[in-house]
Amino acid sequence: MMRAVLLPARWIGPAVIYGLVGAWAVLWFAAEPPGQPAVAYLGQFFGAESVLLLSIGMVLISTLPCARPPSTASTGPPSGTGV
């Protein structure tokens, strides 16, 4: 009987990020236009990868509890202002 190999839940997020970066690289090099200088195309590739990783980082940092705005439970004026 063959058992399914499952990743621990802790590794799913990094595995998805590695998968996205790898798939983006494969797609980028599969769609390379003919006649383009290799150095320029490689620079564009690294630029595209950095934008992808920055976007992923922005999404991940926005999920942290400390990145959320403070609760607005009190909508009145601050106490002690004399109003």
C-alpha atoms as a PDB file:
ATOM      1  CA  MET A   1       0.000   0.000   0.000  1.00  0.00           C
ATOM      2  CA  MET A   2       1.362   3.388  -0.997  1.00  0.00           C
ATOM      3  CA  ARG A   3       1.029   6.277   1.462  1.00  0.00           C
ATOM      4  CA  ALA A   4       0.704   9.852   0.340  1.00  0.00           C
ATOM      5  CA  VAL A   5       3.614  12.069   1.260  1.00  0.00           C
ATOM      6  CA  LEU A   6       2.257  15.248   2.807  1.00  0.00           C
ATOM      7  CA  LEU A   7       4.242  18.290   3.794  1.00  0.00           C
ATOM      8  CA  PRO A   8       3.910  19.488   7.355  1.00  0.00           C
ATOM      9  CA  ALA A   9       1.586  22.490   7.556  1.00  0.00           C
ATOM     10  CA  ARG A  10       4.535  24.699   8.448  1.00  0.00           C
ATOM     11  CA  TRP A  11       6.200  24.019   5.076  1.00  0.00           C
ATOM     12  CA  ILE A  12       3.195  24.687   2.846  1.00  0.00           C
ATOM     13  CA  GLY A  13       3.694  28.459   2.680  1.00  0.00           C
ATOM     14  CA  PRO A  14       7.391  28.339   1.722  1.00  0.00           C
ATOM     15  CA  ALA A  15       6.661  25.526  -0.751  1.00  0.00           C
ATOM     16  CA  VAL A  16       4.021  27.691  -2.457  1.00  0.00           C
ATOM     17  CA  ILE A  17       6.457  30.620  -2.667  1.00  0.00           C
ATOM     18  CA  TYR A  18       9.198  28.407  -4.120  1.00  0.00           C
ATOM     19  CA  GLY A  19       6.663  27.001  -6.581  1.00  0.00           C
ATOM     20  CA  LEU A  20       5.583  30.475  -7.693  1.00  0.00           C
ATOM     21  CA  VAL A  21       9.163  31.652  -8.149  1.00  0.00           C
ATOM     22  CA  GLY A  22      10.080  28.494 -10.060  1.00  0.00           C
ATOM     23  CA  ALA A  23       7.000  28.649 -12.274  1.00  0.00           C
ATOM     24  CA  TRP A  24       7.651  32.327 -13.006  1.00  0.00           C
ATOM     25  CA  ALA A  25      11.241  31.482 -14.019  1.00  0.00           C
ATOM     26  CA  VAL A  26      10.109  28.652 -16.298  1.00  0.00           C
ATOM     27  CA  LEU A  27       7.458  30.854 -17.879  1.00  0.00           C
ATOM     28  CA  TRP A  28       9.909  33.730 -18.297  1.00  0.00           C
ATOM     29  CA  PHE A  29      12.517  31.620 -20.088  1.00  0.00           C
ATOM     30  CA  ALA A  30       9.961  29.691 -22.153  1.00  0.00           C
ATOM     31  CA  ALA A  31       8.605  32.962 -23.560  1.00  0.00           C
ATOM     32  CA  GLU A  32      11.996  34.451 -24.392  1.00  0.00           C
ATOM     33  CA  PRO A  33      11.769  36.347 -27.672  1.00  0.00           C
ATOM     34  CA  PRO A  34      14.351  35.434 -30.310  1.00  0.00           C
ATOM     35  CA  GLY A  35      17.146  37.870 -31.036  1.00  0.00           C
ATOM     36  CA  GLN A  36      17.195  39.559 -27.637  1.00  0.00           C
ATOM     37  CA  PRO A  37      20.625  39.958 -26.000  1.00  0.00           C
ATOM     38  CA  ALA A  38      21.060  37.420 -23.208  1.00  0.00           C
ATOM     39  CA  VAL A  39      22.461  39.937 -20.696  1.00  0.00           C
ATOM     40  CA  ALA A  40      19.526  42.326 -21.151  1.00  0.00           C
ATOM     41  CA  TYR A  41      17.023  39.498 -20.882  1.00  0.00           C
ATOM     42  CA  LEU A  42      18.697  38.157 -17.761  1.00  0.00           C
ATOM     43  CA  GLY A  43      18.487  41.618 -16.184  1.00  0.00           C
ATOM     44  CA  GLN A  44      14.788  41.800 -17.033  1.00  0.00           C
ATOM     45  CA  PHE A  45      14.304  38.340 -15.526  1.00  0.00           C
ATOM     46  CA  PHE A  46      15.914  39.344 -12.225  1.00  0.00           C
ATOM     47  CA  GLY A  47      13.843  42.513 -12.179  1.00  0.00           C
ATOM     48  CA  ALA A  48      10.636  40.530 -12.696  1.00  0.00           C
ATOM     49  CA  GLU A  49      11.608  38.032  -9.982  1.00  0.00           C
ATOM     50  CA  SER A  50      12.345  40.843  -7.535  1.00  0.00           C
ATOM     51  CA  VAL A  51       8.942  42.436  -8.202  1.00  0.00           C
ATOM     52  CA  LEU A  52       7.270  39.056  -7.621  1.00  0.00           C
ATOM     53  CA  LEU A  53       9.139  38.500  -4.347  1.00  0.00           C
ATOM     54  CA  LEU A  54       8.459  42.062  -3.188  1.00  0.00           C
ATOM     55  CA  SER A  55       4.750  41.561  -3.876  1.00  0.00           C
ATOM     56  CA  ILE A  56       4.723  38.323  -1.912  1.00  0.00           C
ATOM     57  CA  GLY A  57       6.553  40.060   0.934  1.00  0.00           C
ATOM     58  CA  MET A  58       4.009  42.891   0.988  1.00  0.00           C
ATOM     59  CA  VAL A  59       1.147  40.405   1.216  1.00  0.00           C
ATOM     60  CA  LEU A  60       2.855  38.473   4.003  1.00  0.00           C
ATOM     61  CA  ILE A  61       3.725  41.567   6.053  1.00  0.00           C
ATOM     62  CA  SER A  62       0.155  42.840   5.783  1.00  0.00           C
ATOM     63  CA  THR A  63      -1.104  39.717   7.540  1.00  0.00           C
ATOM     64  CA  LEU A  64       0.892  40.425  10.715  1.00  0.00           C
ATOM     65  CA  PRO A  65      -1.181  41.632  13.672  1.00  0.00           C
ATOM     66  CA  CYS A  66       1.161  44.577  14.285  1.00  0.00           C
ATOM     67  CA  ALA A  67       0.576  45.842  10.721  1.00  0.00           C
ATOM     68  CA  ARG A  68      -3.153  46.363  11.261  1.00  0.00           C
ATOM     69  CA  PRO A  69      -4.507  49.794  12.177  1.00  0.00           C
ATOM     70  CA  PRO A  70      -5.568  50.275  15.799  1.00  0.00           C
ATOM     71  CA  SER A  71      -9.151  49.550  16.763  1.00  0.00           C
ATOM     72  CA  THR A  72     -11.567  52.451  16.391  1.00  0.00           C
ATOM     73  CA  ALA A  73     -13.915  51.443  19.199  1.00  0.00           C
ATOM     74  CA  SER A  74     -14.370  55.028  20.375  1.00  0.00           C
ATOM     75  CA  THR A  75     -15.542  57.349  17.624  1.00  0.00           C
ATOM     76  CA  GLY A  76     -16.060  60.414  19.849  1.00  0.00           C
ATOM     77  CA  PRO A  77     -13.527  63.131  20.661  1.00  0.00           C
ATOM     78  CA  PRO A  78     -10.613  62.180  22.858  1.00  0.00           C
ATOM     79  CA  SER A  79     -11.279  62.607  26.562  1.00  0.00           C
ATOM     80  CA  GLY A  80      -9.758  65.589  28.320  1.00  0.00           C
ATOM     81  CA  THR A  81     -10.024  67.982  25.384  1.00  0.00           C
ATOM     82  CA  GLY A  82     -12.585  70.240  27.076  1.00  0.00           C
ATOM     83  CA  VAL A  83     -15.187  69.794  24.350  1.00  0.00           C
END
